[in-house]
Amino acid sequence: MSHEIVLAACAIGAALAVLVGLAAGFSTGNATGKAIESIARQPEASGKIMSALIIGNGFAEATAIYGLLVSILLIFVGIKG
């Protein structure tokens, strides 16, 4: 396989891995909106709702960081390879 094909494949893979960050942003925004709606309906449950929201947002952001890490690794492997 030529070096150009490996570099192109790594660039495409890195671009797809970065899309994980886009999905994490959408999911965080959607979850926050739903949490605000839930708190507006039941203010007495705000503590439980906020706890679940923070844990869920933490998982979403961790997924985005993993996608960023994979994309950076693919870029460096493509450059070195």
PDB file of N, CA and C in Angstrom:
ATOM      1  N   MET A   1       0.843  -1.177   0.000  1.00  0.00           N
ATOM      2  CA  MET A   1       0.000   0.000   0.000  1.00  0.00           C
ATOM      3  C   MET A   1       0.886   1.238   0.000  1.00  0.00           C
ATOM      4  N   SER A   2       0.488   2.211  -0.778  1.00  0.00           N
ATOM      5  CA  SER A   2       1.306   3.418  -0.846  1.00  0.00           C
ATOM      6  C   SER A   2       1.032   4.327   0.352  1.00  0.00           C
ATOM      7  N   HIS A   3       1.980   5.199   0.588  1.00  0.00           N
ATOM      8  CA  HIS A   3       1.890   6.111   1.734  1.00  0.00           C
ATOM      9  C   HIS A   3       0.704   7.063   1.603  1.00  0.00           C
ATOM     10  N   GLU A   4       0.373   7.451   0.393  1.00  0.00           N
ATOM     11  CA  GLU A   4      -0.742   8.387   0.200  1.00  0.00           C
ATOM     12  C   GLU A   4      -2.081   7.764   0.580  1.00  0.00           C
ATOM     13  N   ILE A   5      -2.240   6.481   0.279  1.00  0.00           N
ATOM     14  CA  ILE A   5      -3.501   5.808   0.626  1.00  0.00           C
ATOM     15  C   ILE A   5      -3.635   5.681   2.144  1.00  0.00           C
ATOM     16  N   VAL A   6      -2.548   5.342   2.810  1.00  0.00           N
ATOM     17  CA  VAL A   6      -2.580   5.242   4.275  1.00  0.00           C
ATOM     18  C   VAL A   6      -2.878   6.593   4.893  1.00  0.00           C
ATOM     19  N   LEU A   7      -2.271   7.644   4.376  1.00  0.00           N
ATOM     20  CA  LEU A   7      -2.508   8.995   4.886  1.00  0.00           C
ATOM     21  C   LEU A   7      -3.955   9.423   4.668  1.00  0.00           C
ATOM     22  N   ALA A   8      -4.502   9.097   3.497  1.00  0.00           N
ATOM     23  CA  ALA A   8      -5.900   9.441   3.215  1.00  0.00           C
ATOM     24  C   ALA A   8      -6.855   8.663   4.122  1.00  0.00           C
ATOM     25  N   ALA A   9      -6.570   7.386   4.331  1.00  0.00           N
ATOM     26  CA  ALA A   9      -7.425   6.581   5.201  1.00  0.00           C
ATOM     27  C   ALA A   9      -7.377   7.085   6.644  1.00  0.00           C
ATOM     28  N   CYS A  10      -6.195   7.491   7.104  1.00  0.00           N
ATOM     29  CA  CYS A  10      -6.078   8.035   8.459  1.00  0.00           C
ATOM     30  C   CYS A  10      -6.816   9.363   8.581  1.00  0.00           C
ATOM     31  N   ALA A  11      -6.766  10.187   7.546  1.00  0.00           N
ATOM     32  CA  ALA A  11      -7.473  11.467   7.584  1.00  0.00           C
ATOM     33  C   ALA A  11      -8.986  11.255   7.611  1.00  0.00           C
ATOM     34  N   ILE A  12      -9.472  10.313   6.832  1.00  0.00           N
ATOM     35  CA  ILE A  12     -10.910  10.023   6.834  1.00  0.00           C
ATOM     36  C   ILE A  12     -11.338   9.451   8.188  1.00  0.00           C
ATOM     37  N   GLY A  13     -10.536   8.546   8.728  1.00  0.00           N
ATOM     38  CA  GLY A  13     -10.843   7.988  10.043  1.00  0.00           C
ATOM     39  C   GLY A  13     -10.829   9.045  11.135  1.00  0.00           C
ATOM     40  N   ALA A  14      -9.872   9.977  11.059  1.00  0.00           N
ATOM     41  CA  ALA A  14      -9.806  11.052  12.051  1.00  0.00           C
ATOM     42  C   ALA A  14     -11.032  11.962  11.940  1.00  0.00           C
ATOM     43  N   ALA A  15     -11.463  12.240  10.718  1.00  0.00           N
ATOM     44  CA  ALA A  15     -12.653  13.078  10.539  1.00  0.00           C
ATOM     45  C   ALA A  15     -13.896  12.395  11.098  1.00  0.00           C
ATOM     46  N   LEU A  16     -14.008  11.104  10.890  1.00  0.00           N
ATOM     47  CA  LEU A  16     -15.155  10.372  11.438  1.00  0.00           C
ATOM     48  C   LEU A  16     -15.103  10.311  12.963  1.00  0.00           C
ATOM     49  N   ALA A  17     -13.910  10.196  13.527  1.00  0.00           N
ATOM     50  CA  ALA A  17     -13.783  10.158  14.980  1.00  0.00           C
ATOM     51  C   ALA A  17     -14.151  11.503  15.604  1.00  0.00           C
ATOM     52  N   VAL A  18     -13.886  12.586  14.901  1.00  0.00           N
ATOM     53  CA  VAL A  18     -14.229  13.913  15.423  1.00  0.00           C
ATOM     54  C   VAL A  18     -15.744  14.110  15.427  1.00  0.00           C
ATOM     55  N   LEU A  19     -16.454  13.403  14.563  1.00  0.00           N
ATOM     56  CA  LEU A  19     -17.915  13.513  14.558  1.00  0.00           C
ATOM     57  C   LEU A  19     -18.534  13.049  15.875  1.00  0.00           C
ATOM     58  N   VAL A  20     -17.797  12.262  16.639  1.00  0.00           N
ATOM     59  CA  VAL A  20     -18.272  11.850  17.962  1.00  0.00           C
ATOM     60  C   VAL A  20     -18.484  13.077  18.841  1.00  0.00           C
ATOM     61  N   GLY A  21     -17.608  14.080  18.706  1.00  0.00           N
ATOM     62  CA  GLY A  21     -17.759  15.318  19.467  1.00  0.00           C
ATOM     63  C   GLY A  21     -19.028  16.061  19.095  1.00  0.00           C
ATOM     64  N   LEU A  22     -19.379  16.024  17.828  1.00  0.00           N
ATOM     65  CA  LEU A  22     -20.621  16.662  17.385  1.00  0.00           C
ATOM     66  C   LEU A  22     -21.831  15.964  18.004  1.00  0.00           C
ATOM     67  N   ALA A  23     -21.808  14.652  17.998  1.00  0.00           N
ATOM     68  CA  ALA A  23     -22.913  13.901  18.601  1.00  0.00           C
ATOM     69  C   ALA A  23     -22.990  14.148  20.104  1.00  0.00           C
ATOM     70  N   ALA A  24     -21.847  14.271  20.758  1.00  0.00           N
ATOM     71  CA  ALA A  24     -21.849  14.549  22.196  1.00  0.00           C
ATOM     72  C   ALA A  24     -22.439  15.920  22.489  1.00  0.00           C
ATOM     73  N   GLY A  25     -22.149  16.881  21.655  1.00  0.00           N
ATOM     74  CA  GLY A  25     -22.724  18.212  21.831  1.00  0.00           C
ATOM     75  C   GLY A  25     -24.235  18.211  21.689  1.00  0.00           C
ATOM     76  N   PHE A  26     -24.730  17.511  20.677  1.00  0.00           N
ATOM     77  CA  PHE A  26     -26.177  17.413  20.498  1.00  0.00           C
ATOM     78  C   PHE A  26     -26.836  16.696  21.671  1.00  0.00           C
ATOM     79  N   SER A  27     -26.223  15.610  22.132  1.00  0.00           N
ATOM     80  CA  SER A  27     -26.843  14.859  23.219  1.00  0.00           C
ATOM     81  C   SER A  27     -26.826  15.640  24.528  1.00  0.00           C
ATOM     82  N   THR A  28     -25.751  16.391  24.768  1.00  0.00           N
ATOM     83  CA  THR A  28     -25.685  17.208  25.978  1.00  0.00           C
ATOM     84  C   THR A  28     -26.747  18.306  25.944  1.00  0.00           C
ATOM     85  N   GLY A  29     -26.900  18.943  24.819  1.00  0.00           N
ATOM     86  CA  GLY A  29     -27.922  19.980  24.683  1.00  0.00           C
ATOM     87  C   GLY A  29     -29.324  19.440  24.844  1.00  0.00           C
ATOM     88  N   ASN A  30     -29.583  18.294  24.246  1.00  0.00           N
ATOM     89  CA  ASN A  30     -30.903  17.679  24.354  1.00  0.00           C
ATOM     90  C   ASN A  30     -31.191  17.267  25.798  1.00  0.00           C
ATOM     91  N   ALA A  31     -30.220  16.670  26.461  1.00  0.00           N
ATOM     92  CA  ALA A  31     -30.419  16.245  27.850  1.00  0.00           C
ATOM     93  C   ALA A  31     -30.641  17.434  28.768  1.00  0.00           C
ATOM     94  N   THR A  32     -29.901  18.507  28.538  1.00  0.00           N
ATOM     95  CA  THR A  32     -30.071  19.699  29.372  1.00  0.00           C
ATOM     96  C   THR A  32     -31.458  20.303  29.174  1.00  0.00           C
ATOM     97  N   GLY A  33     -31.921  20.360  27.944  1.00  0.00           N
ATOM     98  CA  GLY A  33     -33.259  20.877  27.674  1.00  0.00           C
ATOM     99  C   GLY A  33     -34.345  20.051  28.337  1.00  0.00           C
ATOM    100  N   LYS A  34     -34.210  18.732  28.250  1.00  0.00           N
ATOM    101  CA  LYS A  34     -35.194  17.854  28.889  1.00  0.00           C
ATOM    102  C   LYS A  34     -35.141  17.968  30.414  1.00  0.00           C
ATOM    103  N   ALA A  35     -33.952  18.153  30.965  1.00  0.00           N
ATOM    104  CA  ALA A  35     -33.840  18.311  32.416  1.00  0.00           C
ATOM    105  C   ALA A  35     -34.513  19.602  32.875  1.00  0.00           C
ATOM    106  N   ILE A  36     -34.335  20.672  32.121  1.00  0.00           N
ATOM    107  CA  ILE A  36     -34.986  21.941  32.465  1.00  0.00           C
ATOM    108  C   ILE A  36     -36.502  21.794  32.402  1.00  0.00           C
ATOM    109  N   GLU A  37     -37.000  21.101  31.377  1.00  0.00           N
ATOM    110  CA  GLU A  37     -38.441  20.866  31.284  1.00  0.00           C
ATOM    111  C   GLU A  37     -38.939  20.041  32.475  1.00  0.00           C
ATOM    112  N   SER A  38     -38.165  19.029  32.850  1.00  0.00           N
ATOM    113  CA  SER A  38     -38.572  18.177  33.975  1.00  0.00           C
ATOM    114  C   SER A  38     -38.584  18.947  35.283  1.00  0.00           C
ATOM    115  N   ILE A  39     -37.590  19.795  35.484  1.00  0.00           N
ATOM    116  CA  ILE A  39     -37.546  20.595  36.715  1.00  0.00           C
ATOM    117  C   ILE A  39     -38.688  21.596  36.740  1.00  0.00           C
ATOM    118  N   ALA A  40     -39.058  22.125  35.581  1.00  0.00           N
ATOM    119  CA  ALA A  40     -40.189  23.058  35.526  1.00  0.00           C
ATOM    120  C   ALA A  40     -41.492  22.355  35.895  1.00  0.00           C
ATOM    121  N   ARG A  41     -41.615  21.076  35.536  1.00  0.00           N
ATOM    122  CA  ARG A  41     -42.832  20.333  35.861  1.00  0.00           C
ATOM    123  C   ARG A  41     -42.853  19.856  37.310  1.00  0.00           C
ATOM    124  N   GLN A  42     -41.696  19.417  37.813  1.00  0.00           N
ATOM    125  CA  GLN A  42     -41.622  18.892  39.182  1.00  0.00           C
ATOM    126  C   GLN A  42     -40.415  19.493  39.891  1.00  0.00           C
ATOM    127  N   PRO A  43     -40.548  20.683  40.441  1.00  0.00           N
ATOM    128  CA  PRO A  43     -39.405  21.316  41.104  1.00  0.00           C
ATOM    129  C   PRO A  43     -38.874  20.531  42.305  1.00  0.00           C
ATOM    130  N   GLU A  44     -39.731  19.745  42.941  1.00  0.00           N
ATOM    131  CA  GLU A  44     -39.273  18.994  44.115  1.00  0.00           C
ATOM    132  C   GLU A  44     -38.305  17.860  43.740  1.00  0.00           C
ATOM    133  N   ALA A  45     -38.271  17.464  42.482  1.00  0.00           N
ATOM    134  CA  ALA A  45     -37.378  16.390  42.036  1.00  0.00           C
ATOM    135  C   ALA A  45     -36.099  16.928  41.400  1.00  0.00           C
ATOM    136  N   SER A  46     -35.820  18.203  41.605  1.00  0.00           N
ATOM    137  CA  SER A  46     -34.678  18.815  40.909  1.00  0.00           C
ATOM    138  C   SER A  46     -33.346  18.196  41.308  1.00  0.00           C
ATOM    139  N   GLY A  47     -33.200  17.766  42.552  1.00  0.00           N
ATOM    140  CA  GLY A  47     -31.938  17.164  42.989  1.00  0.00           C
ATOM    141  C   GLY A  47     -31.616  15.882  42.241  1.00  0.00           C
ATOM    142  N   LYS A  48     -32.599  15.002  42.119  1.00  0.00           N
ATOM    143  CA  LYS A  48     -32.400  13.743  41.406  1.00  0.00           C
ATOM    144  C   LYS A  48     -32.182  13.977  39.914  1.00  0.00           C
ATOM    145  N   ILE A  49     -32.916  14.927  39.366  1.00  0.00           N
ATOM    146  CA  ILE A  49     -32.780  15.220  37.940  1.00  0.00           C
ATOM    147  C   ILE A  49     -31.394  15.782  37.632  1.00  0.00           C
ATOM    148  N   MET A  50     -30.930  16.692  38.476  1.00  0.00           N
ATOM    149  CA  MET A  50     -29.608  17.286  38.249  1.00  0.00           C
ATOM    150  C   MET A  50     -28.494  16.250  38.416  1.00  0.00           C
ATOM    151  N   SER A  51     -28.656  15.330  39.359  1.00  0.00           N
ATOM    152  CA  SER A  51     -27.649  14.277  39.542  1.00  0.00           C
ATOM    153  C   SER A  51     -27.545  13.405  38.292  1.00  0.00           C
ATOM    154  N   ALA A  52     -28.686  12.984  37.774  1.00  0.00           N
ATOM    155  CA  ALA A  52     -28.690  12.163  36.567  1.00  0.00           C
ATOM    156  C   ALA A  52     -28.152  12.942  35.373  1.00  0.00           C
ATOM    157  N   LEU A  53     -28.471  14.237  35.302  1.00  0.00           N
ATOM    158  CA  LEU A  53     -27.986  15.067  34.200  1.00  0.00           C
ATOM    159  C   LEU A  53     -26.473  15.197  34.232  1.00  0.00           C
ATOM    160  N   ILE A  54     -25.907  15.420  35.394  1.00  0.00           N
ATOM    161  CA  ILE A  54     -24.460  15.586  35.500  1.00  0.00           C
ATOM    162  C   ILE A  54     -23.735  14.285  35.160  1.00  0.00           C
ATOM    163  N   ILE A  55     -24.246  13.158  35.615  1.00  0.00           N
ATOM    164  CA  ILE A  55     -23.621  11.876  35.293  1.00  0.00           C
ATOM    165  C   ILE A  55     -23.716  11.598  33.794  1.00  0.00           C
ATOM    166  N   GLY A  56     -24.875  11.836  33.210  1.00  0.00           N
ATOM    167  CA  GLY A  56     -25.047  11.616  31.768  1.00  0.00           C
ATOM    168  C   GLY A  56     -24.178  12.528  30.927  1.00  0.00           C
ATOM    169  N   ASN A  57     -24.078  13.796  31.332  1.00  0.00           N
ATOM    170  CA  ASN A  57     -23.221  14.721  30.590  1.00  0.00           C
ATOM    171  C   ASN A  57     -21.750  14.336  30.728  1.00  0.00           C
ATOM    172  N   GLY A  58     -21.388  13.805  31.873  1.00  0.00           N
ATOM    173  CA  GLY A  58     -20.011  13.332  32.043  1.00  0.00           C
ATOM    174  C   GLY A  58     -19.683  12.192  31.090  1.00  0.00           C
ATOM    175  N   PHE A  59     -20.616  11.255  30.929  1.00  0.00           N
ATOM    176  CA  PHE A  59     -20.400  10.162  29.986  1.00  0.00           C
ATOM    177  C   PHE A  59     -20.328  10.677  28.553  1.00  0.00           C
ATOM    178  N   ALA A  60     -21.183  11.628  28.201  1.00  0.00           N
ATOM    179  CA  ALA A  60     -21.171  12.176  26.845  1.00  0.00           C
ATOM    180  C   ALA A  60     -19.864  12.892  26.556  1.00  0.00           C
ATOM    181  N   GLU A  61     -19.381  13.661  27.500  1.00  0.00           N
ATOM    182  CA  GLU A  61     -18.121  14.371  27.287  1.00  0.00           C
ATOM    183  C   GLU A  61     -16.934  13.420  27.270  1.00  0.00           C
ATOM    184  N   ALA A  62     -16.986  12.354  28.070  1.00  0.00           N
ATOM    185  CA  ALA A  62     -15.910  11.355  28.021  1.00  0.00           C
ATOM    186  C   ALA A  62     -15.858  10.696  26.651  1.00  0.00           C
ATOM    187  N   THR A  63     -17.019  10.431  26.074  1.00  0.00           N
ATOM    188  CA  THR A  63     -17.066   9.862  24.733  1.00  0.00           C
ATOM    189  C   THR A  63     -16.464  10.818  23.718  1.00  0.00           C
ATOM    190  N   ALA A  64     -16.750  12.103  23.855  1.00  0.00           N
ATOM    191  CA  ALA A  64     -16.172  13.095  22.945  1.00  0.00           C
ATOM    192  C   ALA A  64     -14.658  13.151  23.082  1.00  0.00           C
ATOM    193  N   ILE A  65     -14.160  13.042  24.294  1.00  0.00           N
ATOM    194  CA  ILE A  65     -12.709  13.061  24.507  1.00  0.00           C
ATOM    195  C   ILE A  65     -12.074  11.810  23.899  1.00  0.00           C
ATOM    196  N   TYR A  66     -12.728  10.668  24.011  1.00  0.00           N
ATOM    197  CA  TYR A  66     -12.205   9.452  23.373  1.00  0.00           C
ATOM    198  C   TYR A  66     -12.140   9.619  21.853  1.00  0.00           C
ATOM    199  N   GLY A  67     -13.161  10.222  21.267  1.00  0.00           N
ATOM    200  CA  GLY A  67     -13.151  10.469  19.832  1.00  0.00           C
ATOM    201  C   GLY A  67     -12.021  11.404  19.423  1.00  0.00           C
ATOM    202  N   LEU A  68     -11.783  12.428  20.219  1.00  0.00           N
ATOM    203  CA  LEU A  68     -10.679  13.345  19.946  1.00  0.00           C
ATOM    204  C   LEU A  68      -9.345  12.622  20.048  1.00  0.00           C
ATOM    205  N   LEU A  69      -9.190  11.773  21.057  1.00  0.00           N
ATOM    206  CA  LEU A  69      -7.954  11.021  21.236  1.00  0.00           C
ATOM    207  C   LEU A  69      -7.708  10.092  20.043  1.00  0.00           C
ATOM    208  N   VAL A  70      -8.740   9.409  19.597  1.00  0.00           N
ATOM    209  CA  VAL A  70      -8.606   8.516  18.444  1.00  0.00           C
ATOM    210  C   VAL A  70      -8.221   9.297  17.202  1.00  0.00           C
ATOM    211  N   SER A  71      -8.837  10.455  16.997  1.00  0.00           N
ATOM    212  CA  SER A  71      -8.510  11.244  15.807  1.00  0.00           C
ATOM    213  C   SER A  71      -7.077  11.745  15.843  1.00  0.00           C
ATOM    214  N   ILE A  72      -6.609  12.172  17.008  1.00  0.00           N
ATOM    215  CA  ILE A  72      -5.217  12.633  17.130  1.00  0.00           C
ATOM    216  C   ILE A  72      -4.257  11.476  16.873  1.00  0.00           C
ATOM    217  N   LEU A  73      -4.555  10.301  17.428  1.00  0.00           N
ATOM    218  CA  LEU A  73      -3.698   9.143  17.183  1.00  0.00           C
ATOM    219  C   LEU A  73      -3.659   8.772  15.705  1.00  0.00           C
ATOM    220  N   LEU A  74      -4.810   8.828  15.048  1.00  0.00           N
ATOM    221  CA  LEU A  74      -4.835   8.497  13.612  1.00  0.00           C
ATOM    222  C   LEU A  74      -4.032   9.507  12.799  1.00  0.00           C
ATOM    223  N   ILE A  75      -4.112  10.754  13.155  1.00  0.00           N
ATOM    224  CA  ILE A  75      -3.342  11.767  12.426  1.00  0.00           C
ATOM    225  C   ILE A  75      -1.854  11.512  12.578  1.00  0.00           C
ATOM    226  N   PHE A  76      -1.393  11.242  13.803  1.00  0.00           N
ATOM    227  CA  PHE A  76       0.040  11.021  14.014  1.00  0.00           C
ATOM    228  C   PHE A  76       0.516   9.712  13.392  1.00  0.00           C
ATOM    229  N   VAL A  77      -0.322   8.683  13.407  1.00  0.00           N
ATOM    230  CA  VAL A  77       0.050   7.422  12.753  1.00  0.00           C
ATOM    231  C   VAL A  77       0.151   7.632  11.242  1.00  0.00           C
ATOM    232  N   GLY A  78      -0.791   8.398  10.686  1.00  0.00           N
ATOM    233  CA  GLY A  78      -0.757   8.661   9.246  1.00  0.00           C
ATOM    234  C   GLY A  78       0.462   9.471   8.831  1.00  0.00           C
ATOM    235  N   ILE A  79       0.843  10.422   9.644  1.00  0.00           N
ATOM    236  CA  ILE A  79       2.022  11.245   9.326  1.00  0.00           C
ATOM    237  C   ILE A  79       3.294  10.419   9.435  1.00  0.00           C
ATOM    238  N   LYS A  80       3.370   9.604  10.500  1.00  0.00           N
ATOM    239  CA  LYS A  80       4.585   8.812  10.719  1.00  0.00           C
ATOM    240  C   LYS A  80       4.676   7.631   9.751  1.00  0.00           C
ATOM    241  N   GLY A  81       3.500   7.014   9.480  1.00  0.00           N
ATOM    242  CA  GLY A  81       3.478   5.794   8.683  1.00  0.00           C
ATOM    243  C   GLY A  81       3.851   6.013   7.283  1.00  0.00           C
TER     244      GLY A  81
END
